Amino acid sequence: MDSGPSIIINLVVIIVILALAVLFTLTEYSLVKVRPSALKALKEEQKKPSTKIDHAIYMVDHLTEYLSTAQVGITLTSLILGWLGEGFIAGLIISSGILPPEIAHSFASIAAILIFTFIHAVFTDLVPKNIAIDDPTGVLLKIVRPVMFFHVLFYPMIWLFDRTAAWVTKILGYNAHPDEDIYSQAEIVSLSRDAAQAGEIDEDDLRYMQRAFEMNDKVAADIMIDRTQLEVIDVNATIHEALNMYLETKYSRIPVVANNDKDKILGYVYSYDLVRQGRIDMEAPVSTVLRNLPNISEDQPITDILQEMIDHRVPMVVVKDEYGGTSGIVTDKDIYEELFGTVRDEVDDTIDNLITKLHSDDEGNMHYQVSGKLNLNDFERYFHEDIGSFEDSDKVTLTGYMLDRFPDLSVNEPNQVANFEITALDFKDAYINYFEVAVLPLTDENSSDVRIEEE
């Protein structure tokens, strides 16, 4: 039977080893879960230098080494606890005399293993793991000094383990030191969405970030104003004629063409230049105030187009197709709207001007006349519905969406989109100016593409 002092010494040693096991488990999970950006942000907030934060950042930057420290510590403490703990508990059971001597040894060994496995799993693994995952930054800053001490103490063993593990990992064809997390675009958006739900970042910031990523994937053909919608003026027209067109169309910049041919865009005229030149000679040709326009291809990325505009100091570019013809134009406003949403100035049509309520049919369904220029986001906002197929489409306007989804679309032929029946009212020059939209009751068949928004 162990003496009283011996039991106390063993108990103290076991408690110390348990505490160290907790320390190394906290180290492992806090290192894995902590975000380097959170530590760096915390450092920037400090008015005075903090060695704890500096050490924590160093540990994260050398993640493999310090994870090896934690693993060595966990392994050693587990071995010591298994050697001391089970013998200690078995000794207590045998010395208590509660069991007959002939079965005491067998039962005590089994009971000791079960009891100590429970203690070890719960108090040195699960509990510290949950704590470290809940607050990795706070936990790491609290344990940084003792961890660095044990890192120095165990360094020869850590070096051996780390090099051996790196060698084996390399043989298997994997990265031996994956200390830095590289996130894909989808992962960044997913993490940011979680952060927004948790209130860590603003919803507007998330929306702008998503739009920035989406914008980076789009090309000129996705956002251009189609040639059928272009208002142009011939190069031989006078300043007076150009000013009249400006007043009629309200476009401050008008493309200038040769021989009234949209495939021969020479540049553009700016309303300010027209007014200034008009004070001198209203009958002068628009060529006297002509400004140059760069040409781009249909598949040129939006970000490159914006850089082109900045480099040439122009507010628009001409989009050319593979045969050299004009597909349309892209303005700086078209690009900004990809990031910030629809931006309406003083001359833009409002939603109310683009949607007209017509009548209610015999079944009580309301009908509307809707302009093909209507933005899909504005369609959803007006009708208080979120349409999944709109979100999946890379088109911006209702006309673009309908022509893309229904390639064989015909005039006066209704097409079903969610709980809307959309009918083209005209079809001229490959463009639809107006649709008739009937709002149908939601059913099991048409509601799968719709989520009703609360007003």
Protein backbone atom coordinates (compact mmCIF):
# COMPACT_ATOMS: atom_id res chain seq x y z
CA MET A 1 0.00 0.00 0.00
CA ASP A 2 1.31 3.48 -0.85
CA SER A 3 1.98 5.81 2.04
CA GLY A 4 0.08 9.06 2.48
CA PRO A 5 2.97 11.31 1.30
CA SER A 6 3.52 9.09 -1.73
CA ILE A 7 -0.14 9.35 -2.74
CA ILE A 8 -0.03 13.13 -2.39
CA ILE A 9 3.14 13.40 -4.47
CA ASN A 10 1.66 11.20 -7.20
CA LEU A 11 -1.56 13.23 -7.14
CA VAL A 12 0.35 16.52 -7.46
CA VAL A 13 2.43 15.16 -10.34
CA ILE A 14 -0.70 13.91 -12.13
CA ILE A 15 -2.43 17.28 -11.71
CA VAL A 16 0.63 19.09 -13.10
CA ILE A 17 0.80 16.74 -16.09
CA LEU A 18 -2.95 17.16 -16.66
CA ALA A 19 -2.47 20.95 -16.65
CA LEU A 20 0.34 20.64 -19.20
CA ALA A 21 -1.85 18.40 -21.37
CA VAL A 22 -4.54 21.08 -21.27
CA LEU A 23 -1.93 23.70 -22.25
CA PHE A 24 -0.77 21.76 -25.30
CA THR A 25 -4.34 21.03 -26.45
CA LEU A 26 -5.18 24.73 -26.14
CA THR A 27 -2.04 25.48 -28.15
CA GLU A 28 -2.92 23.13 -30.97
CA TYR A 29 -6.51 24.27 -31.51
CA SER A 30 -5.92 27.99 -30.94
CA LEU A 31 -3.08 27.97 -33.48
CA VAL A 32 -5.23 26.20 -36.04
CA LYS A 33 -8.31 28.41 -35.53
CA VAL A 34 -6.77 31.86 -34.98
CA ARG A 35 -6.80 34.25 -37.93
CA PRO A 36 -3.51 36.04 -38.65
CA SER A 37 -5.50 39.07 -39.77
CA ALA A 38 -7.20 39.24 -36.35
CA LEU A 39 -3.83 39.31 -34.58
CA LYS A 40 -2.48 41.97 -36.94
CA ALA A 41 -5.60 44.09 -36.47
CA LEU A 42 -5.25 43.74 -32.70
CA LYS A 43 -1.62 44.84 -32.94
CA GLU A 44 -2.62 47.96 -34.88
CA GLU A 45 -5.19 48.84 -32.21
CA GLN A 46 -2.60 48.74 -29.40
CA LYS A 47 -1.23 52.12 -28.34
CA LYS A 48 1.94 50.48 -27.00
CA PRO A 49 3.96 47.59 -28.47
CA SER A 50 2.85 44.19 -27.16
CA THR A 51 5.39 41.36 -27.02
CA LYS A 52 2.56 38.86 -26.50
CA ILE A 53 0.94 39.81 -29.79
CA ASP A 54 4.31 39.84 -31.56
CA HIS A 55 5.07 36.35 -30.23
CA ALA A 56 1.60 35.12 -31.23
CA ILE A 57 2.06 36.43 -34.78
CA TYR A 58 5.47 34.77 -34.91
CA MET A 59 3.93 31.47 -33.80
CA VAL A 60 1.26 31.67 -36.49
CA ASP A 61 3.88 32.56 -39.12
CA HIS A 62 5.83 29.44 -38.06
CA LEU A 63 2.74 27.30 -37.65
CA THR A 64 4.29 23.92 -38.41
CA GLU A 65 6.99 24.31 -35.76
CA TYR A 66 4.57 25.26 -33.01
CA LEU A 67 2.05 22.61 -33.97
CA SER A 68 4.92 20.16 -33.61
CA THR A 69 5.55 21.59 -30.14
CA ALA A 70 1.92 20.97 -29.23
CA GLN A 71 2.01 17.44 -30.65
CA VAL A 72 5.21 16.55 -28.77
CA GLY A 73 3.70 17.93 -25.57
CA ILE A 74 0.41 16.07 -26.05
CA THR A 75 2.24 12.81 -26.79
CA LEU A 76 4.57 13.07 -23.79
CA THR A 77 1.84 14.06 -21.34
CA SER A 78 -0.40 11.24 -22.61
CA LEU A 79 2.36 8.69 -22.06
CA ILE A 80 3.18 9.99 -18.59
CA LEU A 81 -0.47 10.18 -17.58
CA GLY A 82 -1.05 6.64 -18.82
CA TRP A 83 1.92 5.39 -16.83
CA LEU A 84 1.22 7.30 -13.60
CA GLY A 85 -2.52 7.82 -13.68
CA GLU A 86 -3.77 4.31 -14.26
CA GLY A 87 -1.37 2.88 -11.68
CA PHE A 88 -2.38 5.58 -9.21
CA ILE A 89 -6.11 4.91 -9.55
CA ALA A 90 -5.60 1.15 -9.50
CA GLY A 91 -3.54 1.51 -6.31
CA LEU A 92 -6.29 3.54 -4.65
CA ILE A 93 -8.92 0.91 -5.51
CA ILE A 94 -6.78 -1.97 -4.23
CA SER A 95 -5.70 -0.16 -1.06
CA SER A 96 -9.27 0.81 -0.22
CA GLY A 97 -10.11 -2.84 0.52
CA ILE A 98 -13.60 -2.57 -0.95
CA LEU A 99 -12.97 -5.61 -3.17
CA PRO A 100 -11.80 -9.14 -2.29
CA PRO A 101 -8.03 -9.51 -2.88
CA GLU A 102 -8.48 -12.30 -5.45
CA ILE A 103 -10.38 -9.98 -7.90
CA ALA A 104 -9.09 -6.58 -6.77
CA HIS A 105 -6.07 -6.48 -9.11
CA SER A 106 -7.99 -7.46 -12.25
CA PHE A 107 -10.92 -5.13 -11.59
CA ALA A 108 -8.68 -2.24 -10.49
CA SER A 109 -6.69 -2.30 -13.73
CA ILE A 110 -9.81 -2.23 -15.91
CA ALA A 111 -11.50 0.44 -13.77
CA ALA A 112 -8.34 2.57 -13.76
CA ILE A 113 -8.13 2.48 -17.57
CA LEU A 114 -11.80 3.47 -17.97
CA ILE A 115 -11.73 6.21 -15.34
CA PHE A 116 -8.51 7.77 -16.54
CA THR A 117 -9.51 7.55 -20.20
CA PHE A 118 -12.66 9.50 -19.31
CA ILE A 119 -10.69 12.13 -17.36
CA HIS A 120 -8.10 12.44 -20.10
CA ALA A 121 -10.63 12.69 -22.95
CA VAL A 122 -12.96 15.18 -21.27
CA PHE A 123 -10.66 17.45 -19.27
CA THR A 124 -7.50 17.49 -21.40
CA ASP A 125 -9.05 17.23 -24.86
CA LEU A 126 -12.72 18.09 -25.35
CA VAL A 127 -13.03 20.96 -22.85
CA PRO A 128 -9.82 22.81 -23.85
CA LYS A 129 -10.60 22.18 -27.51
CA ASN A 130 -14.02 23.84 -27.18
CA ILE A 131 -12.50 26.78 -25.30
CA ALA A 132 -9.77 27.29 -27.92
CA ILE A 133 -12.23 27.10 -30.81
CA ASP A 134 -14.57 29.59 -29.11
CA ASP A 135 -11.87 32.23 -28.49
CA PRO A 136 -8.67 31.32 -30.35
CA THR A 137 -7.15 34.80 -30.21
CA GLY A 138 -7.72 35.31 -26.49
CA VAL A 139 -6.54 31.81 -25.60
CA LEU A 140 -3.38 32.08 -27.69
CA LEU A 141 -2.40 35.39 -26.09
CA LYS A 142 -2.83 33.88 -22.61
CA ILE A 143 -0.63 30.84 -23.27
CA VAL A 144 1.96 32.35 -25.61
CA ARG A 145 4.79 32.62 -23.05
CA PRO A 146 4.69 29.05 -21.65
CA VAL A 147 4.31 27.67 -25.17
CA MET A 148 7.43 29.48 -26.35
CA PHE A 149 9.28 28.18 -23.27
CA PHE A 150 8.36 24.58 -24.08
CA HIS A 151 9.20 25.18 -27.72
CA VAL A 152 12.78 26.00 -26.69
CA LEU A 153 12.84 23.12 -24.21
CA PHE A 154 11.65 20.53 -26.73
CA TYR A 155 13.41 22.03 -29.75
CA PRO A 156 15.82 19.14 -30.50
CA MET A 157 12.92 16.67 -30.45
CA ILE A 158 10.69 19.08 -32.39
CA TRP A 159 13.38 19.57 -35.03
CA LEU A 160 13.75 15.81 -35.48
CA PHE A 161 9.99 15.21 -35.64
CA ASP A 162 9.41 18.15 -37.98
CA ARG A 163 12.14 17.19 -40.45
CA THR A 164 11.07 13.55 -40.46
CA ALA A 165 7.42 14.51 -41.04
CA ALA A 166 8.43 16.95 -43.82
CA TRP A 167 10.51 14.26 -45.52
CA VAL A 168 7.70 11.69 -45.42
CA THR A 169 5.12 14.27 -46.56
CA LYS A 170 7.31 15.31 -49.48
CA ILE A 171 7.76 11.68 -50.54
CA LEU A 172 3.96 11.35 -50.61
CA GLY A 173 3.79 14.35 -52.96
CA TYR A 174 2.25 16.95 -50.63
CA ASN A 175 3.36 20.36 -49.37
CA ALA A 176 5.60 19.79 -46.38
CA HIS A 177 5.00 23.20 -44.77
CA PRO A 178 1.45 24.45 -45.49
CA ASP A 179 1.81 27.38 -43.07
CA GLU A 180 -0.23 29.82 -45.12
CA ASP A 181 -3.91 29.41 -45.99
CA ILE A 182 -4.78 30.44 -49.53
CA TYR A 183 -8.51 30.98 -50.03
CA SER A 184 -10.36 30.71 -53.30
CA GLN A 185 -12.82 33.38 -54.43
CA ALA A 186 -15.78 31.19 -53.46
CA GLU A 187 -14.27 30.55 -50.01
CA ILE A 188 -13.70 34.28 -49.43
CA VAL A 189 -17.32 35.04 -50.32
CA SER A 190 -18.55 32.21 -48.10
CA LEU A 191 -16.42 33.37 -45.15
CA SER A 192 -17.55 36.96 -45.67
CA ARG A 193 -21.19 35.89 -45.82
CA ASP A 194 -20.77 34.09 -42.48
CA ALA A 195 -19.07 37.19 -41.05
CA ALA A 196 -21.95 39.37 -42.23
CA GLN A 197 -24.50 37.05 -40.61
CA ALA A 198 -22.50 37.25 -37.38
CA GLY A 199 -22.44 41.06 -37.59
CA GLU A 200 -18.67 41.27 -38.06
CA ILE A 201 -18.92 43.08 -41.40
CA ASP A 202 -21.60 45.30 -42.88
CA GLU A 203 -24.12 43.85 -45.35
CA ASP A 204 -23.31 46.64 -47.82
CA ASP A 205 -19.61 45.74 -47.68
CA LEU A 206 -20.49 42.12 -48.44
CA ARG A 207 -22.70 43.17 -51.36
CA TYR A 208 -20.00 45.37 -52.88
CA MET A 209 -17.41 42.63 -52.48
CA GLN A 210 -19.66 40.08 -54.21
CA ARG A 211 -20.33 42.52 -57.03
CA ALA A 212 -16.60 43.20 -57.39
CA PHE A 213 -15.92 39.49 -57.80
CA GLU A 214 -18.80 39.13 -60.25
CA MET A 215 -17.65 42.20 -62.18
CA ASN A 216 -14.20 40.67 -62.52
CA ASP A 217 -15.77 37.69 -64.33
CA LYS A 218 -17.73 39.77 -66.85
CA VAL A 219 -16.70 41.04 -70.27
CA ALA A 220 -17.77 43.88 -72.54
CA ALA A 221 -20.55 41.90 -74.20
CA ASP A 222 -22.23 41.39 -70.81
CA ILE A 223 -22.74 45.08 -70.03
CA MET A 224 -22.57 46.97 -73.33
CA ILE A 225 -25.34 49.10 -74.77
CA ASP A 226 -26.35 47.21 -77.90
CA ARG A 227 -25.91 48.91 -81.28
CA THR A 228 -29.66 48.79 -81.83
CA GLN A 229 -30.06 51.16 -78.88
CA LEU A 230 -27.34 53.60 -79.94
CA GLU A 231 -28.22 57.17 -80.84
CA VAL A 232 -25.56 58.42 -83.28
CA ILE A 233 -24.97 61.49 -85.42
CA ASP A 234 -23.25 61.78 -88.80
CA VAL A 235 -19.88 63.48 -88.98
CA ASN A 236 -21.24 65.98 -91.53
CA ALA A 237 -24.02 67.16 -89.21
CA THR A 238 -23.81 70.68 -87.82
CA ILE A 239 -23.36 71.83 -84.26
CA HIS A 240 -26.96 73.04 -84.35
CA GLU A 241 -28.23 69.57 -85.31
CA ALA A 242 -26.09 67.93 -82.64
CA LEU A 243 -27.45 70.28 -79.97
CA ASN A 244 -31.00 69.46 -81.02
CA MET A 245 -30.21 65.74 -80.71
CA TYR A 246 -28.72 66.39 -77.27
CA LEU A 247 -31.91 68.13 -76.14
CA GLU A 248 -34.10 65.35 -77.55
CA THR A 249 -32.15 62.35 -76.28
CA LYS A 250 -30.63 63.99 -73.18
CA TYR A 251 -27.39 62.10 -73.87
CA SER A 252 -24.43 64.30 -72.98
CA ARG A 253 -22.09 62.24 -75.18
CA ILE A 254 -23.14 61.19 -78.69
CA PRO A 255 -21.15 58.82 -80.93
CA VAL A 256 -20.22 60.29 -84.33
CA VAL A 257 -20.32 58.04 -87.43
CA ALA A 258 -19.40 58.27 -91.09
CA ASN A 259 -22.14 57.91 -93.71
CA ASN A 260 -24.70 57.25 -90.94
CA ASP A 261 -23.14 53.81 -90.53
CA LYS A 262 -22.87 52.53 -86.95
CA ASP A 263 -20.02 50.26 -88.02
CA LYS A 264 -17.96 53.39 -88.73
CA ILE A 265 -17.86 55.19 -85.39
CA LEU A 266 -15.22 57.94 -85.61
CA GLY A 267 -15.47 59.26 -82.06
CA TYR A 268 -17.96 61.23 -80.00
CA VAL A 269 -19.07 64.77 -79.24
CA TYR A 270 -19.53 66.14 -75.73
CA SER A 271 -22.43 68.47 -74.92
CA TYR A 272 -20.13 71.04 -73.28
CA ASP A 273 -18.02 71.25 -76.44
CA LEU A 274 -21.18 71.62 -78.54
CA VAL A 275 -22.46 74.52 -76.44
CA ARG A 276 -19.07 76.25 -76.44
CA GLN A 277 -18.63 75.84 -80.21
CA GLY A 278 -22.25 76.83 -80.80
CA ARG A 279 -21.58 80.25 -79.33
CA ILE A 280 -19.05 80.73 -82.14
CA ASP A 281 -20.65 79.02 -85.14
CA MET A 282 -23.82 76.92 -85.00
CA GLU A 283 -23.34 75.76 -88.60
CA ALA A 284 -19.86 74.32 -88.09
CA PRO A 285 -19.62 70.54 -88.59
CA VAL A 286 -19.43 68.34 -85.50
CA SER A 287 -16.01 67.19 -86.70
CA THR A 288 -14.62 70.43 -85.24
CA VAL A 289 -15.30 69.16 -81.70
CA LEU A 290 -14.84 65.45 -82.36
CA ARG A 291 -13.16 63.44 -79.59
CA ASN A 292 -11.51 60.07 -80.14
CA LEU A 293 -12.84 56.75 -78.87
CA PRO A 294 -10.79 53.58 -78.36
CA ASN A 295 -12.04 50.24 -79.70
CA ILE A 296 -12.23 47.05 -77.65
CA SER A 297 -13.30 43.47 -78.31
CA GLU A 298 -16.49 41.84 -77.04
CA ASP A 299 -14.57 39.49 -74.76
CA GLN A 300 -12.42 42.12 -73.06
CA PRO A 301 -12.78 41.97 -69.23
CA ILE A 302 -14.57 44.86 -67.54
CA THR A 303 -11.57 45.68 -65.34
CA ASP A 304 -9.39 46.05 -68.44
CA ILE A 305 -12.01 48.28 -70.05
CA LEU A 306 -12.03 50.57 -67.02
CA GLN A 307 -8.24 50.80 -67.14
CA GLU A 308 -8.48 51.60 -70.86
CA MET A 309 -10.85 54.46 -70.10
CA ILE A 310 -8.54 55.79 -67.40
CA ASP A 311 -5.48 55.56 -69.65
CA HIS A 312 -7.19 57.33 -72.58
CA ARG A 313 -9.22 59.67 -70.34
CA VAL A 314 -12.49 58.82 -72.09
CA PRO A 315 -15.94 58.04 -70.64
CA MET A 316 -16.84 55.35 -73.18
CA VAL A 317 -15.38 52.80 -75.60
CA VAL A 318 -16.63 51.17 -78.79
CA VAL A 319 -17.16 47.40 -78.69
CA LYS A 320 -16.20 45.63 -81.91
CA ASP A 321 -17.24 42.14 -82.97
CA GLU A 322 -14.98 39.54 -84.59
CA TYR A 323 -15.69 40.97 -88.06
CA GLY A 324 -14.81 44.54 -87.13
CA GLY A 325 -18.41 45.71 -86.92
CA THR A 326 -19.84 47.67 -84.02
CA SER A 327 -21.52 45.56 -81.33
CA GLY A 328 -22.26 48.48 -79.02
CA ILE A 329 -20.59 50.80 -76.56
CA VAL A 330 -19.61 50.60 -72.90
CA THR A 331 -19.70 53.73 -70.73
CA ASP A 332 -18.07 54.38 -67.40
CA LYS A 333 -21.54 54.44 -65.87
CA ASP A 334 -22.21 50.88 -67.11
CA ILE A 335 -19.12 49.72 -65.23
CA TYR A 336 -19.91 51.63 -62.04
CA GLU A 337 -23.41 50.16 -61.99
CA GLU A 338 -21.93 46.65 -61.95
CA LEU A 339 -20.35 47.54 -58.61
CA PHE A 340 -22.82 49.96 -57.03
CA GLY A 341 -26.08 48.91 -58.64
CA THR A 342 -28.33 51.07 -60.79
CA VAL A 343 -27.28 54.72 -60.64
CA ARG A 344 -29.97 57.06 -61.91
CA ASP A 345 -29.17 60.63 -62.84
CA GLU A 346 -31.50 63.51 -63.69
CA VAL A 347 -32.31 62.24 -67.18
CA ASP A 348 -32.63 58.52 -66.50
CA ASP A 349 -36.00 56.85 -66.62
CA THR A 350 -37.36 55.99 -63.19
CA ILE A 351 -38.94 52.63 -62.49
CA ASP A 352 -42.38 54.24 -62.63
CA ASN A 353 -41.63 55.47 -66.16
CA LEU A 354 -40.55 51.99 -67.23
CA ILE A 355 -43.54 50.12 -65.77
CA THR A 356 -47.16 51.01 -66.53
CA LYS A 357 -50.12 49.31 -64.88
CA LEU A 358 -52.57 48.17 -67.58
CA HIS A 359 -55.57 46.21 -66.27
CA SER A 360 -56.78 43.23 -64.30
CA ASP A 361 -57.97 40.18 -66.24
CA ASP A 362 -61.05 38.05 -65.55
CA GLU A 363 -59.08 35.87 -63.12
CA GLY A 364 -57.92 38.88 -61.13
CA ASN A 365 -54.33 38.84 -62.40
CA MET A 366 -52.80 42.30 -62.79
CA HIS A 367 -51.14 43.14 -66.12
CA TYR A 368 -48.33 45.64 -66.66
CA GLN A 369 -46.49 47.10 -69.63
CA VAL A 370 -42.77 46.86 -68.87
CA SER A 371 -39.91 48.42 -70.82
CA GLY A 372 -37.24 46.06 -72.12
CA LYS A 373 -34.65 48.45 -70.67
CA LEU A 374 -35.79 47.66 -67.13
CA ASN A 375 -32.97 46.37 -64.95
CA LEU A 376 -33.61 42.87 -63.54
CA ASN A 377 -32.89 44.12 -60.01
CA ASP A 378 -35.49 46.86 -60.47
CA PHE A 379 -38.00 44.28 -61.74
CA GLU A 380 -37.54 42.26 -58.54
CA ARG A 381 -37.72 45.36 -56.36
CA TYR A 382 -40.90 46.64 -58.01
CA PHE A 383 -42.75 43.33 -57.71
CA HIS A 384 -41.24 42.49 -54.28
CA GLU A 385 -39.98 39.11 -55.39
CA ASP A 386 -36.57 37.51 -55.71
CA ILE A 387 -36.34 35.38 -58.86
CA GLY A 388 -33.64 32.73 -58.81
CA SER A 389 -33.17 32.55 -62.58
CA PHE A 390 -32.52 36.32 -62.63
CA GLU A 391 -29.70 35.81 -60.13
CA ASP A 392 -28.22 33.02 -62.27
CA SER A 393 -28.33 35.11 -65.45
CA ASP A 394 -25.43 37.30 -66.55
CA LYS A 395 -27.82 39.65 -68.36
CA VAL A 396 -28.71 43.07 -66.98
CA THR A 397 -31.98 44.10 -68.65
CA LEU A 398 -35.29 42.32 -69.11
CA THR A 399 -34.82 42.20 -72.89
CA GLY A 400 -31.36 40.69 -72.55
CA TYR A 401 -32.64 38.07 -70.11
CA MET A 402 -35.66 37.08 -72.23
CA LEU A 403 -33.67 36.78 -75.46
CA ASP A 404 -31.04 34.72 -73.67
CA ARG A 405 -33.50 32.37 -71.94
CA PHE A 406 -35.95 32.08 -74.85
CA PRO A 407 -33.89 32.16 -78.09
CA ASP A 408 -37.00 31.41 -80.20
CA LEU A 409 -39.09 34.10 -78.53
CA SER A 410 -41.92 35.48 -80.68
CA VAL A 411 -44.18 38.52 -80.44
CA ASN A 412 -47.46 37.97 -78.55
CA GLU A 413 -46.33 34.55 -77.34
CA PRO A 414 -46.46 34.28 -73.51
CA ASN A 415 -43.46 32.82 -71.68
CA GLN A 416 -43.47 31.65 -68.07
CA VAL A 417 -40.83 33.04 -65.66
CA ALA A 418 -41.53 32.04 -62.05
CA ASN A 419 -45.06 33.34 -61.34
CA PHE A 420 -44.93 35.87 -64.19
CA GLU A 421 -46.31 35.46 -67.69
CA ILE A 422 -44.15 37.67 -69.92
CA THR A 423 -45.18 38.46 -73.50
CA ALA A 424 -43.11 40.43 -76.03
CA LEU A 425 -45.17 43.24 -77.57
CA ASP A 426 -42.70 44.09 -80.35
CA PHE A 427 -39.50 42.77 -81.86
CA LYS A 428 -37.51 45.22 -83.99
CA ASP A 429 -33.83 45.10 -84.97
CA ALA A 430 -33.20 42.16 -82.63
CA TYR A 431 -34.50 44.19 -79.68
CA ILE A 432 -37.73 44.17 -77.69
CA ASN A 433 -38.91 47.56 -76.49
CA TYR A 434 -41.90 46.48 -74.39
CA PHE A 435 -43.35 43.43 -72.68
CA GLU A 436 -46.72 42.72 -71.15
CA VAL A 437 -46.25 41.12 -67.75
CA ALA A 438 -49.06 39.29 -65.95
CA VAL A 439 -48.59 38.52 -62.25
CA LEU A 440 -49.99 35.05 -61.57
CA PRO A 441 -50.87 33.48 -58.20
CA LEU A 442 -48.09 31.48 -56.60
CA THR A 443 -48.48 27.71 -57.00
CA ASP A 444 -46.32 24.69 -56.24
CA GLU A 445 -45.31 24.63 -59.91
CA ASN A 446 -44.15 28.24 -60.25
CA SER A 447 -42.98 29.08 -56.72
CA SER A 448 -39.75 27.07 -56.82
CA ASP A 449 -38.03 30.00 -58.57
CA VAL A 450 -39.49 32.66 -56.27
CA ARG A 451 -38.85 33.88 -52.74
CA ILE A 452 -41.31 36.49 -51.55
CA GLU A 453 -39.61 39.44 -49.88
CA GLU A 454 -41.15 41.27 -46.98
CA GLU A 455 -42.07 44.82 -47.80
